[in-house]
Structure formats: structure tokens, C-alpha cells
Amino acid sequence: MAKIAVIVGTVYGGAQYVAEQAISTLGELNYDCQLFEDASLDAVLAFAADIWLVISSTTGEGDIPDNVFPFYLQLKDQFPLLTNKRYAVIALGDSSYDNFCGAGEQFNELLAELQGTEIAPMLRIDAIETLEPELLALPWLTEHFSH
């Protein structure tokens, strides 16, 4: 059974809710998932996941939420190569801002730099278009994570 580390960056709880729903959906697809709300690089690496799934909202001017920013910095500073890891990013944002889905973009770029293999192009969910991001995220997960 493949393992997925679900790393969540949230401000008001929307990304957290999507992550919780994602774990349920991925569990039904026979994945062993662990949620990392205040992720540390050591904890995520210790879980030894086959796949990293980052689900993050964006705050401020395209910034990474406070709860996951230390994890992002640890990744940048320690730069562990992810050559044998696959990853996916679900980014929540608001297209009325200049840096739409900026946190997701930053994570996507960094995971690619670390030589991870992208499972699917990043999913961008616009708060202006949908009030229930899980309605877009869950079918996307089912499409890209079905064995």
C-alpha cells in the first residue's frame, strides 16, 4: 500500500477541510495517508511516504500560510532530493489577487527543484468560482490517484 504525506497550509480552515476530505478519498483508493498540519521536514521524511500531497491556501501577497511556512523553509535550507518521490499540489486562492495561488506555486516550484516527479499539473481552485473547494479537489484526486 502506497503511503501519502498530506501536508496542509491553512489560514481559515478551508485547506484543512479539503485535506481531511482528501485523506478519506485516498483511503478509499487504498492509500495509507498521514496528515501533517504543522509539518516538520523530519516528521514527513520519517513517515517515508511514496507521495507528497501539498494542499495549501495562499495568504497576504501570495504568501505561504504560517502553519506550513517553517516546513517550506526547512525544505529550501536542507534541500533533500526527492528523486524517488512523486508529488502533487492543490492550491487554493482568490483570482482577484495578483499572486493567485502563490503558496501552491512556490511549493510546486520547490518540489520540482528537489527533483520530485509531478503526478499531475497543479490544481488551482479559485474562491471566486467555488465556495466548496473539495467539490473540485476530490474528483481531481480520484482521477490522478486511481491505481
N, C-alpha and C. Protein backbone atom coordinates (compact mmCIF):
# COMPACT_ATOMS: atom_id res chain seq x y z
N MET A 1 0.84 -1.18 0.00
CA MET A 1 0.00 0.00 0.00
C MET A 1 0.88 1.24 0.00
N ALA A 2 0.69 2.09 -0.99
CA ALA A 2 1.48 3.31 -1.09
C ALA A 2 1.10 4.29 0.02
N LYS A 3 2.10 5.04 0.48
CA LYS A 3 1.89 6.00 1.55
C LYS A 3 1.92 7.42 0.99
N ILE A 4 0.99 8.23 1.50
CA ILE A 4 0.91 9.63 1.09
C ILE A 4 1.01 10.52 2.32
N ALA A 5 1.96 11.45 2.28
CA ALA A 5 2.05 12.50 3.29
C ALA A 5 1.22 13.67 2.78
N VAL A 6 0.18 14.03 3.52
CA VAL A 6 -0.67 15.15 3.14
C VAL A 6 -0.25 16.34 4.00
N ILE A 7 0.37 17.30 3.35
CA ILE A 7 0.93 18.46 4.03
C ILE A 7 -0.01 19.64 3.76
N VAL A 8 -0.53 20.22 4.83
CA VAL A 8 -1.55 21.26 4.65
C VAL A 8 -1.07 22.61 5.15
N GLY A 9 -1.36 23.62 4.34
CA GLY A 9 -1.11 25.01 4.70
C GLY A 9 -2.44 25.72 4.73
N THR A 10 -2.86 26.18 5.91
CA THR A 10 -4.20 26.74 6.02
C THR A 10 -4.20 27.98 6.88
N VAL A 11 -5.12 28.89 6.59
CA VAL A 11 -5.28 30.10 7.37
C VAL A 11 -6.64 30.08 8.08
N TYR A 12 -7.70 29.91 7.31
CA TYR A 12 -9.06 29.95 7.86
C TYR A 12 -9.72 28.58 7.91
N GLY A 13 -9.00 27.51 7.57
CA GLY A 13 -9.55 26.17 7.70
C GLY A 13 -10.03 25.53 6.40
N GLY A 14 -10.09 26.29 5.31
CA GLY A 14 -10.56 25.73 4.04
C GLY A 14 -9.64 24.64 3.52
N ALA A 15 -8.36 24.89 3.50
CA ALA A 15 -7.40 23.89 3.02
C ALA A 15 -7.37 22.69 3.96
N GLN A 16 -7.53 22.95 5.25
CA GLN A 16 -7.58 21.87 6.25
C GLN A 16 -8.76 20.94 5.95
N TYR A 17 -9.92 21.51 5.66
CA TYR A 17 -11.10 20.71 5.37
C TYR A 17 -10.88 19.89 4.09
N VAL A 18 -10.31 20.52 3.07
CA VAL A 18 -10.01 19.79 1.83
C VAL A 18 -9.05 18.64 2.12
N ALA A 19 -8.04 18.89 2.95
CA ALA A 19 -7.05 17.84 3.27
C ALA A 19 -7.72 16.67 4.00
N GLU A 20 -8.61 16.98 4.93
CA GLU A 20 -9.31 15.91 5.66
C GLU A 20 -10.18 15.08 4.71
N GLN A 21 -10.87 15.75 3.79
CA GLN A 21 -11.69 15.05 2.80
C GLN A 21 -10.80 14.24 1.85
N ALA A 22 -9.65 14.80 1.50
CA ALA A 22 -8.71 14.11 0.60
C ALA A 22 -8.23 12.81 1.23
N ILE A 23 -7.93 12.84 2.52
CA ILE A 23 -7.47 11.63 3.20
C ILE A 23 -8.54 10.55 3.15
N SER A 24 -9.77 10.94 3.33
CA SER A 24 -10.87 9.97 3.25
C SER A 24 -10.96 9.38 1.84
N THR A 25 -10.92 10.22 0.83
CA THR A 25 -10.99 9.77 -0.56
C THR A 25 -9.81 8.87 -0.91
N LEU A 26 -8.61 9.28 -0.51
CA LEU A 26 -7.41 8.49 -0.81
C LEU A 26 -7.41 7.17 -0.06
N GLY A 27 -7.96 7.17 1.14
CA GLY A 27 -8.10 5.92 1.90
C GLY A 27 -8.98 4.92 1.16
N GLU A 28 -10.05 5.43 0.55
CA GLU A 28 -10.93 4.58 -0.25
C GLU A 28 -10.21 4.01 -1.48
N LEU A 29 -9.17 4.73 -1.92
CA LEU A 29 -8.36 4.27 -3.06
C LEU A 29 -7.18 3.41 -2.59
N ASN A 30 -7.22 2.98 -1.34
CA ASN A 30 -6.22 2.10 -0.73
C ASN A 30 -4.85 2.73 -0.54
N TYR A 31 -4.83 4.01 -0.18
CA TYR A 31 -3.58 4.65 0.21
C TYR A 31 -3.53 4.77 1.73
N ASP A 32 -2.33 4.69 2.28
CA ASP A 32 -2.10 4.93 3.69
C ASP A 32 -1.67 6.39 3.81
N CYS A 33 -2.53 7.22 4.41
CA CYS A 33 -2.26 8.66 4.46
C CYS A 33 -2.02 9.14 5.87
N GLN A 34 -1.18 10.16 5.97
CA GLN A 34 -0.98 10.83 7.25
C GLN A 34 -1.05 12.33 7.00
N LEU A 35 -1.82 13.02 7.84
CA LEU A 35 -1.98 14.47 7.73
C LEU A 35 -0.90 15.17 8.55
N PHE A 36 -0.26 16.15 7.94
CA PHE A 36 0.75 16.96 8.61
C PHE A 36 0.25 18.41 8.62
N GLU A 37 -0.30 18.82 9.78
CA GLU A 37 -0.87 20.17 9.90
C GLU A 37 0.20 21.20 10.22
N ASP A 38 1.11 20.86 11.09
CA ASP A 38 2.25 21.73 11.41
C ASP A 38 3.49 20.92 11.07
N ALA A 39 3.65 20.68 9.80
CA ALA A 39 4.67 19.74 9.31
C ALA A 39 6.08 20.19 9.67
N SER A 40 6.89 19.20 10.01
CA SER A 40 8.34 19.42 10.10
C SER A 40 8.95 18.46 9.08
N LEU A 41 10.05 18.86 8.50
CA LEU A 41 10.69 18.03 7.49
C LEU A 41 11.05 16.67 8.06
N ASP A 42 11.58 16.63 9.29
CA ASP A 42 11.96 15.36 9.90
C ASP A 42 10.76 14.43 10.03
N ALA A 43 9.62 14.95 10.45
CA ALA A 43 8.42 14.12 10.62
C ALA A 43 7.92 13.59 9.29
N VAL A 44 7.92 14.44 8.27
CA VAL A 44 7.46 14.00 6.95
C VAL A 44 8.41 12.95 6.38
N LEU A 45 9.71 13.18 6.50
CA LEU A 45 10.68 12.21 5.99
C LEU A 45 10.60 10.89 6.77
N ALA A 46 10.34 10.97 8.08
CA ALA A 46 10.24 9.76 8.91
C ALA A 46 9.04 8.91 8.50
N PHE A 47 7.98 9.53 8.02
CA PHE A 47 6.80 8.80 7.56
C PHE A 47 7.12 7.97 6.32
N ALA A 48 8.16 8.36 5.59
CA ALA A 48 8.64 7.63 4.40
C ALA A 48 7.54 7.41 3.37
N ALA A 49 6.85 8.49 3.05
CA ALA A 49 5.77 8.42 2.07
C ALA A 49 6.32 8.25 0.66
N ASP A 50 5.54 7.59 -0.18
CA ASP A 50 5.88 7.46 -1.60
C ASP A 50 5.49 8.73 -2.35
N ILE A 51 4.46 9.41 -1.82
CA ILE A 51 3.90 10.59 -2.48
C ILE A 51 3.73 11.69 -1.44
N TRP A 52 4.06 12.92 -1.83
CA TRP A 52 3.77 14.08 -1.01
C TRP A 52 2.64 14.83 -1.70
N LEU A 53 1.57 15.09 -0.96
CA LEU A 53 0.46 15.89 -1.46
C LEU A 53 0.39 17.16 -0.62
N VAL A 54 0.64 18.29 -1.27
CA VAL A 54 0.58 19.58 -0.58
C VAL A 54 -0.76 20.22 -0.93
N ILE A 55 -1.51 20.59 0.10
CA ILE A 55 -2.78 21.29 -0.09
C ILE A 55 -2.64 22.59 0.69
N SER A 56 -2.62 23.70 -0.04
CA SER A 56 -2.35 24.97 0.64
C SER A 56 -3.19 26.11 0.11
N SER A 57 -3.66 26.92 1.04
CA SER A 57 -4.27 28.19 0.68
C SER A 57 -3.12 29.19 0.54
N THR A 58 -3.47 30.39 0.14
CA THR A 58 -2.48 31.46 -0.02
C THR A 58 -2.92 32.61 0.87
N THR A 59 -1.98 33.29 1.46
CA THR A 59 -2.30 34.41 2.35
C THR A 59 -1.52 35.65 1.90
N GLY A 60 -1.95 36.80 2.36
CA GLY A 60 -1.23 38.04 2.06
C GLY A 60 -1.05 38.27 0.57
N GLU A 61 0.17 38.57 0.20
CA GLU A 61 0.51 38.84 -1.21
C GLU A 61 1.11 37.60 -1.86
N GLY A 62 0.40 36.49 -1.80
CA GLY A 62 0.90 35.26 -2.40
C GLY A 62 1.78 34.46 -1.47
N ASP A 63 1.60 34.67 -0.17
CA ASP A 63 2.48 34.05 0.83
C ASP A 63 1.98 32.68 1.26
N ILE A 64 2.91 31.92 1.82
CA ILE A 64 2.64 30.60 2.37
C ILE A 64 2.07 30.77 3.78
N PRO A 65 1.01 30.04 4.12
CA PRO A 65 0.43 30.16 5.47
C PRO A 65 1.45 29.87 6.57
N ASP A 66 1.27 30.54 7.71
CA ASP A 66 2.20 30.43 8.84
C ASP A 66 2.40 29.00 9.32
N ASN A 67 1.33 28.17 9.30
CA ASN A 67 1.47 26.83 9.87
C ASN A 67 2.41 25.93 9.05
N VAL A 68 2.60 26.23 7.76
CA VAL A 68 3.42 25.37 6.92
C VAL A 68 4.69 26.08 6.42
N PHE A 69 4.82 27.37 6.73
CA PHE A 69 5.99 28.11 6.27
C PHE A 69 7.30 27.56 6.83
N PRO A 70 7.37 27.16 8.12
CA PRO A 70 8.62 26.57 8.61
C PRO A 70 9.02 25.31 7.82
N PHE A 71 8.05 24.49 7.44
CA PHE A 71 8.33 23.29 6.63
C PHE A 71 8.92 23.69 5.28
N TYR A 72 8.34 24.69 4.66
CA TYR A 72 8.83 25.19 3.38
C TYR A 72 10.29 25.65 3.51
N LEU A 73 10.57 26.39 4.57
CA LEU A 73 11.95 26.88 4.80
C LEU A 73 12.92 25.72 5.04
N GLN A 74 12.48 24.71 5.80
CA GLN A 74 13.33 23.53 6.02
C GLN A 74 13.64 22.84 4.70
N LEU A 75 12.64 22.73 3.83
CA LEU A 75 12.87 22.13 2.51
C LEU A 75 13.91 22.92 1.72
N LYS A 76 13.74 24.24 1.72
CA LYS A 76 14.67 25.10 0.98
C LYS A 76 16.09 25.02 1.55
N ASP A 77 16.19 25.02 2.88
CA ASP A 77 17.50 25.05 3.53
C ASP A 77 18.22 23.70 3.47
N GLN A 78 17.49 22.61 3.74
CA GLN A 78 18.13 21.29 3.79
C GLN A 78 18.19 20.63 2.41
N PHE A 79 17.31 21.04 1.52
CA PHE A 79 17.29 20.61 0.12
C PHE A 79 17.43 19.09 -0.07
N PRO A 80 16.53 18.31 0.57
CA PRO A 80 16.61 16.84 0.38
C PRO A 80 16.12 16.47 -1.02
N LEU A 81 16.92 15.77 -1.77
CA LEU A 81 16.49 15.39 -3.12
C LEU A 81 15.35 14.38 -3.03
N LEU A 82 14.34 14.60 -3.83
CA LEU A 82 13.15 13.77 -3.81
C LEU A 82 13.05 12.90 -5.07
N THR A 83 14.19 12.42 -5.51
CA THR A 83 14.24 11.69 -6.78
C THR A 83 13.32 10.48 -6.83
N ASN A 84 13.06 9.83 -5.72
CA ASN A 84 12.20 8.66 -5.72
C ASN A 84 10.78 8.98 -5.24
N LYS A 85 10.46 10.25 -5.14
CA LYS A 85 9.15 10.65 -4.63
C LYS A 85 8.32 11.28 -5.74
N ARG A 86 7.02 11.02 -5.63
CA ARG A 86 6.08 11.70 -6.51
C ARG A 86 5.35 12.74 -5.66
N TYR A 87 4.84 13.77 -6.30
CA TYR A 87 4.15 14.81 -5.56
C TYR A 87 3.02 15.41 -6.38
N ALA A 88 2.12 16.04 -5.66
CA ALA A 88 1.03 16.79 -6.29
C ALA A 88 0.72 17.98 -5.38
N VAL A 89 0.21 19.03 -5.99
CA VAL A 89 -0.13 20.24 -5.24
C VAL A 89 -1.55 20.67 -5.59
N ILE A 90 -2.32 20.93 -4.55
CA ILE A 90 -3.65 21.55 -4.70
C ILE A 90 -3.54 22.91 -4.05
N ALA A 91 -3.75 23.96 -4.85
CA ALA A 91 -3.60 25.32 -4.37
C ALA A 91 -4.96 26.02 -4.32
N LEU A 92 -5.25 26.60 -3.18
CA LEU A 92 -6.48 27.38 -3.02
C LEU A 92 -6.11 28.84 -3.03
N GLY A 93 -6.88 29.63 -3.76
CA GLY A 93 -6.58 31.05 -3.84
C GLY A 93 -7.78 31.84 -4.29
N ASP A 94 -7.55 33.11 -4.53
CA ASP A 94 -8.58 34.05 -4.94
C ASP A 94 -8.01 34.84 -6.12
N SER A 95 -8.62 34.67 -7.28
CA SER A 95 -8.06 35.27 -8.50
C SER A 95 -8.18 36.79 -8.54
N SER A 96 -8.83 37.40 -7.57
CA SER A 96 -8.87 38.86 -7.53
C SER A 96 -7.56 39.43 -6.99
N TYR A 97 -6.69 38.56 -6.49
CA TYR A 97 -5.36 38.98 -6.02
C TYR A 97 -4.32 38.72 -7.10
N ASP A 98 -3.27 39.55 -7.10
CA ASP A 98 -2.22 39.43 -8.12
C ASP A 98 -1.50 38.09 -8.07
N ASN A 99 -1.21 37.61 -6.88
CA ASN A 99 -0.43 36.37 -6.74
C ASN A 99 -1.35 35.18 -6.47
N PHE A 100 -2.30 34.97 -7.38
CA PHE A 100 -3.29 33.90 -7.28
C PHE A 100 -2.59 32.55 -7.05
N CYS A 101 -2.97 31.86 -6.00
CA CYS A 101 -2.40 30.54 -5.65
C CYS A 101 -0.88 30.59 -5.47
N GLY A 102 -0.39 31.71 -4.97
CA GLY A 102 1.05 31.92 -4.82
C GLY A 102 1.74 30.89 -3.94
N ALA A 103 1.11 30.47 -2.85
CA ALA A 103 1.72 29.47 -1.98
C ALA A 103 1.88 28.14 -2.71
N GLY A 104 0.84 27.73 -3.41
CA GLY A 104 0.91 26.49 -4.20
C GLY A 104 1.99 26.57 -5.26
N GLU A 105 2.08 27.72 -5.91
CA GLU A 105 3.12 27.91 -6.95
C GLU A 105 4.51 27.73 -6.35
N GLN A 106 4.73 28.32 -5.17
CA GLN A 106 6.05 28.21 -4.53
C GLN A 106 6.37 26.77 -4.17
N PHE A 107 5.38 26.06 -3.61
CA PHE A 107 5.61 24.65 -3.27
C PHE A 107 5.87 23.83 -4.53
N ASN A 108 5.09 24.07 -5.56
CA ASN A 108 5.24 23.31 -6.81
C ASN A 108 6.64 23.49 -7.39
N GLU A 109 7.11 24.73 -7.43
CA GLU A 109 8.45 25.02 -7.96
C GLU A 109 9.53 24.34 -7.12
N LEU A 110 9.40 24.41 -5.79
CA LEU A 110 10.42 23.84 -4.91
C LEU A 110 10.46 22.31 -5.04
N LEU A 111 9.30 21.67 -5.06
CA LEU A 111 9.27 20.20 -5.18
C LEU A 111 9.86 19.76 -6.52
N ALA A 112 9.65 20.54 -7.56
CA ALA A 112 10.27 20.23 -8.86
C ALA A 112 11.79 20.42 -8.79
N GLU A 113 12.23 21.50 -8.12
CA GLU A 113 13.68 21.73 -7.94
C GLU A 113 14.33 20.58 -7.18
N LEU A 114 13.59 20.01 -6.23
CA LEU A 114 14.11 18.90 -5.42
C LEU A 114 14.06 17.58 -6.18
N GLN A 115 13.69 17.65 -7.44
CA GLN A 115 13.68 16.51 -8.37
C GLN A 115 12.59 15.48 -8.07
N GLY A 116 11.50 15.94 -7.44
CA GLY A 116 10.34 15.08 -7.30
C GLY A 116 9.66 14.94 -8.65
N THR A 117 8.82 13.93 -8.79
CA THR A 117 8.10 13.70 -10.04
C THR A 117 6.65 14.14 -9.85
N GLU A 118 6.24 15.10 -10.64
CA GLU A 118 4.88 15.63 -10.54
C GLU A 118 3.87 14.61 -11.09
N ILE A 119 2.86 14.29 -10.29
CA ILE A 119 1.83 13.33 -10.70
C ILE A 119 0.90 13.95 -11.73
N ALA A 120 0.54 15.21 -11.51
CA ALA A 120 -0.38 15.92 -12.40
C ALA A 120 -0.10 17.41 -12.25
N PRO A 121 -0.45 18.20 -13.27
CA PRO A 121 -0.28 19.65 -13.11
C PRO A 121 -1.05 20.16 -11.89
N MET A 122 -0.50 21.15 -11.24
CA MET A 122 -1.09 21.70 -10.03
C MET A 122 -2.55 22.08 -10.25
N LEU A 123 -3.40 21.72 -9.30
CA LEU A 123 -4.80 22.10 -9.33
C LEU A 123 -4.94 23.44 -8.63
N ARG A 124 -5.46 24.43 -9.36
CA ARG A 124 -5.72 25.75 -8.79
C ARG A 124 -7.22 25.88 -8.57
N ILE A 125 -7.60 26.18 -7.33
CA ILE A 125 -9.02 26.34 -7.00
C ILE A 125 -9.26 27.79 -6.61
N ASP A 126 -10.15 28.44 -7.35
CA ASP A 126 -10.43 29.86 -7.18
C ASP A 126 -11.64 30.06 -6.27
N ALA A 127 -11.43 30.77 -5.18
CA ALA A 127 -12.51 31.04 -4.22
C ALA A 127 -13.64 31.86 -4.85
N ILE A 128 -13.34 32.59 -5.90
CA ILE A 128 -14.38 33.38 -6.57
C ILE A 128 -15.33 32.46 -7.33
N GLU A 129 -14.81 31.34 -7.83
CA GLU A 129 -15.62 30.43 -8.64
C GLU A 129 -16.31 29.34 -7.83
N THR A 130 -15.76 28.97 -6.68
CA THR A 130 -16.36 27.90 -5.89
C THR A 130 -16.20 28.17 -4.40
N LEU A 131 -17.28 27.96 -3.66
CA LEU A 131 -17.23 28.10 -2.22
C LEU A 131 -16.92 26.78 -1.54
N GLU A 132 -16.93 25.69 -2.31
CA GLU A 132 -16.66 24.36 -1.77
C GLU A 132 -15.51 23.73 -2.56
N PRO A 133 -14.28 24.06 -2.21
CA PRO A 133 -13.13 23.58 -2.98
C PRO A 133 -13.02 22.07 -3.06
N GLU A 134 -13.57 21.36 -2.08
CA GLU A 134 -13.50 19.90 -2.10
C GLU A 134 -14.27 19.32 -3.30
N LEU A 135 -15.24 20.05 -3.81
CA LEU A 135 -16.01 19.56 -4.98
C LEU A 135 -15.14 19.50 -6.23
N LEU A 136 -14.07 20.27 -6.26
CA LEU A 136 -13.10 20.20 -7.37
C LEU A 136 -11.93 19.29 -7.02
N ALA A 137 -11.50 19.35 -5.77
CA ALA A 137 -10.31 18.61 -5.36
C ALA A 137 -10.52 17.10 -5.35
N LEU A 138 -11.64 16.63 -4.85
CA LEU A 138 -11.84 15.18 -4.70
C LEU A 138 -11.93 14.46 -6.04
N PRO A 139 -12.68 14.96 -7.04
CA PRO A 139 -12.65 14.28 -8.35
C PRO A 139 -11.26 14.32 -8.99
N TRP A 140 -10.51 15.40 -8.78
CA TRP A 140 -9.14 15.52 -9.31
C TRP A 140 -8.26 14.45 -8.69
N LEU A 141 -8.38 14.27 -7.37
CA LEU A 141 -7.61 13.23 -6.70
C LEU A 141 -7.97 11.85 -7.22
N THR A 142 -9.26 11.58 -7.36
CA THR A 142 -9.70 10.28 -7.86
C THR A 142 -9.16 10.03 -9.26
N GLU A 143 -9.18 11.05 -10.09
CA GLU A 143 -8.67 10.91 -11.47
C GLU A 143 -7.18 10.62 -11.50
N HIS A 144 -6.40 11.31 -10.69
CA HIS A 144 -4.95 11.21 -10.77
C HIS A 144 -4.32 10.19 -9.82
N PHE A 145 -5.09 9.71 -8.85
CA PHE A 145 -4.52 8.78 -7.87
C PHE A 145 -5.12 7.38 -7.95
N SER A 146 -6.05 7.15 -8.87
CA SER A 146 -6.58 5.79 -9.03
C SER A 146 -5.50 4.89 -9.59
N HIS A 147 -5.40 3.72 -9.04
CA HIS A 147 -4.32 2.79 -9.43
C HIS A 147 -4.56 2.23 -10.82
